[in-house]
N, C-alpha and C. Protein backbone atom coordinates (compact mmCIF):
# COMPACT_ATOMS: atom_id res chain seq x y z
N MET A 1 -8.66 11.40 8.87
CA MET A 1 -8.33 11.63 7.48
C MET A 1 -7.41 10.52 6.99
N MET A 2 -7.65 10.04 5.79
CA MET A 2 -6.84 8.96 5.24
C MET A 2 -5.74 9.53 4.34
N HIS A 3 -4.68 8.72 4.21
CA HIS A 3 -3.55 9.07 3.35
C HIS A 3 -3.12 7.83 2.58
N PRO A 4 -2.58 8.01 1.38
CA PRO A 4 -1.98 6.88 0.67
C PRO A 4 -0.56 6.64 1.21
N TYR A 5 -0.23 5.38 1.42
CA TYR A 5 1.08 4.99 1.92
C TYR A 5 1.73 4.02 0.94
N TRP A 6 3.04 4.04 0.92
CA TRP A 6 3.80 3.04 0.18
C TRP A 6 4.60 2.27 1.20
N ILE A 7 4.38 0.96 1.26
CA ILE A 7 5.12 0.11 2.18
C ILE A 7 6.22 -0.59 1.40
N ASN A 8 7.46 -0.27 1.75
CA ASN A 8 8.61 -0.93 1.15
C ASN A 8 8.86 -2.22 1.91
N VAL A 9 9.00 -3.31 1.16
CA VAL A 9 9.13 -4.63 1.74
C VAL A 9 10.43 -5.26 1.26
N LYS A 10 11.11 -5.95 2.16
CA LYS A 10 12.36 -6.63 1.81
C LYS A 10 12.07 -7.76 0.82
N ASN A 11 12.85 -7.80 -0.26
CA ASN A 11 12.81 -8.88 -1.25
C ASN A 11 11.52 -8.97 -2.06
N ARG A 12 10.78 -7.87 -2.18
CA ARG A 12 9.61 -7.88 -3.05
C ARG A 12 9.25 -6.45 -3.40
N LEU A 13 8.40 -6.32 -4.40
CA LEU A 13 7.90 -5.01 -4.79
C LEU A 13 7.05 -4.46 -3.66
N GLY A 14 6.99 -3.16 -3.51
CA GLY A 14 6.23 -2.54 -2.44
C GLY A 14 4.73 -2.71 -2.60
N VAL A 15 4.02 -2.19 -1.61
CA VAL A 15 2.57 -2.30 -1.55
C VAL A 15 1.99 -0.91 -1.31
N GLY A 16 0.96 -0.54 -2.07
CA GLY A 16 0.28 0.73 -1.91
C GLY A 16 -1.00 0.54 -1.12
N ILE A 17 -1.15 1.32 -0.04
CA ILE A 17 -2.30 1.18 0.85
C ILE A 17 -2.79 2.57 1.23
N THR A 18 -4.10 2.75 1.24
CA THR A 18 -4.68 3.97 1.80
C THR A 18 -5.22 3.61 3.18
N ALA A 19 -4.82 4.42 4.18
CA ALA A 19 -5.19 4.10 5.56
C ALA A 19 -5.28 5.38 6.40
N TYR A 20 -5.78 5.22 7.62
CA TYR A 20 -5.91 6.34 8.54
C TYR A 20 -4.57 6.74 9.16
N SER A 21 -3.65 5.81 9.27
CA SER A 21 -2.35 6.07 9.87
C SER A 21 -1.36 5.02 9.39
N ASP A 22 -0.08 5.21 9.70
CA ASP A 22 0.88 4.20 9.31
C ASP A 22 0.61 2.88 10.02
N ALA A 23 0.15 2.93 11.28
CA ALA A 23 -0.20 1.70 12.01
C ALA A 23 -1.38 1.00 11.34
N ASP A 24 -2.36 1.74 10.88
CA ASP A 24 -3.50 1.18 10.16
C ASP A 24 -3.04 0.54 8.86
N ALA A 25 -2.11 1.19 8.15
CA ALA A 25 -1.58 0.64 6.90
C ALA A 25 -0.86 -0.68 7.17
N VAL A 26 -0.08 -0.75 8.24
CA VAL A 26 0.63 -1.98 8.58
C VAL A 26 -0.37 -3.09 8.94
N GLU A 27 -1.45 -2.73 9.63
CA GLU A 27 -2.48 -3.72 9.97
C GLU A 27 -3.12 -4.30 8.71
N ILE A 28 -3.46 -3.45 7.76
CA ILE A 28 -4.04 -3.91 6.49
C ILE A 28 -3.03 -4.80 5.76
N PHE A 29 -1.78 -4.37 5.74
CA PHE A 29 -0.71 -5.15 5.10
C PHE A 29 -0.63 -6.54 5.73
N ALA A 30 -0.64 -6.61 7.05
CA ALA A 30 -0.52 -7.89 7.75
C ALA A 30 -1.70 -8.81 7.44
N ARG A 31 -2.90 -8.26 7.31
CA ARG A 31 -4.07 -9.07 6.94
C ARG A 31 -3.90 -9.69 5.56
N ALA A 32 -3.29 -8.95 4.66
CA ALA A 32 -3.14 -9.43 3.27
C ALA A 32 -1.95 -10.37 3.10
N PHE A 33 -0.84 -10.04 3.74
CA PHE A 33 0.41 -10.74 3.44
C PHE A 33 1.00 -11.49 4.63
N GLY A 34 0.35 -11.41 5.77
CA GLY A 34 0.85 -12.10 6.95
C GLY A 34 2.01 -11.36 7.59
N LEU A 35 2.55 -11.96 8.62
CA LEU A 35 3.64 -11.33 9.36
C LEU A 35 5.00 -11.85 8.94
N THR A 36 5.05 -12.66 7.89
CA THR A 36 6.33 -13.21 7.46
C THR A 36 7.11 -12.25 6.58
N GLU A 37 6.46 -11.24 6.04
CA GLU A 37 7.12 -10.24 5.21
C GLU A 37 7.82 -9.21 6.10
N THR A 38 9.02 -8.78 5.71
CA THR A 38 9.76 -7.78 6.47
C THR A 38 9.52 -6.40 5.89
N ILE A 39 8.86 -5.55 6.66
CA ILE A 39 8.61 -4.18 6.23
C ILE A 39 9.86 -3.36 6.46
N VAL A 40 10.31 -2.68 5.41
CA VAL A 40 11.51 -1.84 5.48
C VAL A 40 11.13 -0.42 5.90
N SER A 41 10.04 0.10 5.31
CA SER A 41 9.59 1.45 5.66
C SER A 41 8.13 1.63 5.25
N VAL A 42 7.49 2.60 5.90
CA VAL A 42 6.12 2.99 5.58
C VAL A 42 6.15 4.49 5.32
N ASP A 43 5.89 4.88 4.08
CA ASP A 43 6.03 6.28 3.68
C ASP A 43 4.70 6.83 3.17
N VAL A 44 4.36 8.05 3.60
CA VAL A 44 3.19 8.74 3.06
C VAL A 44 3.53 9.18 1.64
N ILE A 45 2.61 8.97 0.71
CA ILE A 45 2.79 9.41 -0.66
C ILE A 45 2.20 10.81 -0.77
N LYS A 46 3.01 11.75 -1.11
CA LYS A 46 2.54 13.13 -1.23
C LYS A 46 2.13 13.48 -2.65
N ASP A 47 2.66 12.73 -3.63
CA ASP A 47 2.40 13.04 -5.04
C ASP A 47 2.45 11.75 -5.84
N MET A 48 1.46 11.53 -6.69
CA MET A 48 1.43 10.33 -7.51
C MET A 48 2.67 10.23 -8.40
N ASN A 49 3.29 11.34 -8.72
CA ASN A 49 4.50 11.32 -9.53
C ASN A 49 5.67 10.65 -8.83
N ASP A 50 5.57 10.45 -7.51
CA ASP A 50 6.61 9.75 -6.78
C ASP A 50 6.57 8.24 -7.00
N LEU A 51 5.47 7.75 -7.55
CA LEU A 51 5.32 6.32 -7.81
C LEU A 51 5.95 5.95 -9.14
N ASP A 52 6.28 4.67 -9.30
CA ASP A 52 6.82 4.15 -10.55
C ASP A 52 5.76 4.34 -11.64
N GLN A 53 6.04 5.23 -12.59
CA GLN A 53 5.08 5.58 -13.63
C GLN A 53 4.91 4.49 -14.68
N ASN A 54 5.87 3.58 -14.80
CA ASN A 54 5.81 2.55 -15.82
C ASN A 54 5.17 1.25 -15.34
N HIS A 55 5.18 1.01 -14.03
CA HIS A 55 4.63 -0.25 -13.54
C HIS A 55 3.51 -0.04 -12.52
N VAL A 56 3.75 0.76 -11.50
CA VAL A 56 2.77 0.91 -10.43
C VAL A 56 1.54 1.68 -10.91
N VAL A 57 1.72 2.86 -11.45
CA VAL A 57 0.58 3.70 -11.82
C VAL A 57 -0.37 3.03 -12.82
N PRO A 58 0.14 2.39 -13.89
CA PRO A 58 -0.80 1.76 -14.82
C PRO A 58 -1.50 0.52 -14.25
N ASN A 59 -1.00 0.00 -13.13
CA ASN A 59 -1.54 -1.25 -12.58
C ASN A 59 -2.13 -1.08 -11.18
N MET A 60 -2.51 0.12 -10.83
CA MET A 60 -3.05 0.35 -9.49
C MET A 60 -4.56 0.57 -9.53
N GLY A 61 -5.19 0.24 -8.41
CA GLY A 61 -6.61 0.52 -8.24
C GLY A 61 -6.78 1.93 -7.68
N THR A 62 -7.93 2.20 -7.13
CA THR A 62 -8.19 3.53 -6.59
C THR A 62 -7.57 3.70 -5.21
N TRP A 63 -6.94 4.83 -5.01
CA TRP A 63 -6.37 5.09 -3.69
C TRP A 63 -7.25 6.05 -2.90
N PHE A 64 -8.50 6.21 -3.33
CA PHE A 64 -9.44 7.11 -2.67
C PHE A 64 -10.30 6.42 -1.61
N ARG A 65 -10.05 5.15 -1.34
CA ARG A 65 -10.76 4.46 -0.28
C ARG A 65 -9.76 3.64 0.53
N ARG A 66 -10.12 3.33 1.74
CA ARG A 66 -9.23 2.58 2.63
C ARG A 66 -8.99 1.18 2.07
N GLY A 67 -7.72 0.81 1.99
CA GLY A 67 -7.37 -0.53 1.54
C GLY A 67 -6.18 -0.53 0.62
N ILE A 68 -5.90 -1.71 0.08
CA ILE A 68 -4.75 -1.92 -0.80
C ILE A 68 -5.14 -1.55 -2.23
N TRP A 69 -4.32 -0.72 -2.85
CA TRP A 69 -4.56 -0.34 -4.25
C TRP A 69 -3.44 -0.82 -5.17
N PHE A 70 -2.36 -1.32 -4.61
CA PHE A 70 -1.31 -1.97 -5.39
C PHE A 70 -0.61 -2.98 -4.51
N PRO A 71 -0.48 -4.20 -4.95
CA PRO A 71 -0.91 -4.76 -6.22
C PRO A 71 -2.42 -5.03 -6.22
N LEU A 72 -2.95 -5.14 -7.41
CA LEU A 72 -4.37 -5.45 -7.56
C LEU A 72 -4.65 -6.86 -7.05
N GLY A 73 -5.88 -7.08 -6.63
CA GLY A 73 -6.29 -8.39 -6.16
C GLY A 73 -6.49 -8.44 -4.65
N TYR A 74 -6.13 -7.37 -3.95
CA TYR A 74 -6.25 -7.32 -2.50
C TYR A 74 -7.21 -6.22 -2.05
N GLU A 75 -8.05 -5.74 -2.94
CA GLU A 75 -8.90 -4.59 -2.69
C GLU A 75 -9.88 -4.78 -1.52
N LEU A 76 -10.31 -5.99 -1.26
CA LEU A 76 -11.34 -6.23 -0.25
C LEU A 76 -10.77 -6.55 1.13
N ILE A 77 -9.47 -6.55 1.28
CA ILE A 77 -8.84 -6.94 2.54
C ILE A 77 -9.25 -6.03 3.69
N SER A 78 -9.45 -4.75 3.46
CA SER A 78 -9.74 -3.81 4.55
C SER A 78 -11.16 -3.93 5.09
N ASN A 79 -12.03 -4.62 4.37
CA ASN A 79 -13.43 -4.73 4.82
C ASN A 79 -13.57 -5.69 5.98
C-alpha cells in the first residue's frame, strides 16, 4: 500500500512523494535530487490540510500514484 510522504530538506522547500515506504520515498528523492541534499525528516501525510494551503496544494500534482507530486516537474522520476 502506498502513502503520501513529505520530505523535509535542509535549506530548501520540502518535497512531496507517494511511495510504498519511507525508504522507497527516500530512494525516489535521491533519484531526483541526488545525495547532496540533507534530509531532515520523512513524514507520512495523514491529511491534505497538513500541507501549506497557499503554496503546496495549488502547485502539486496527483498524489494517487507513486512518485513526486511536489514540486512539479519530477513526475516521471519513479518510472
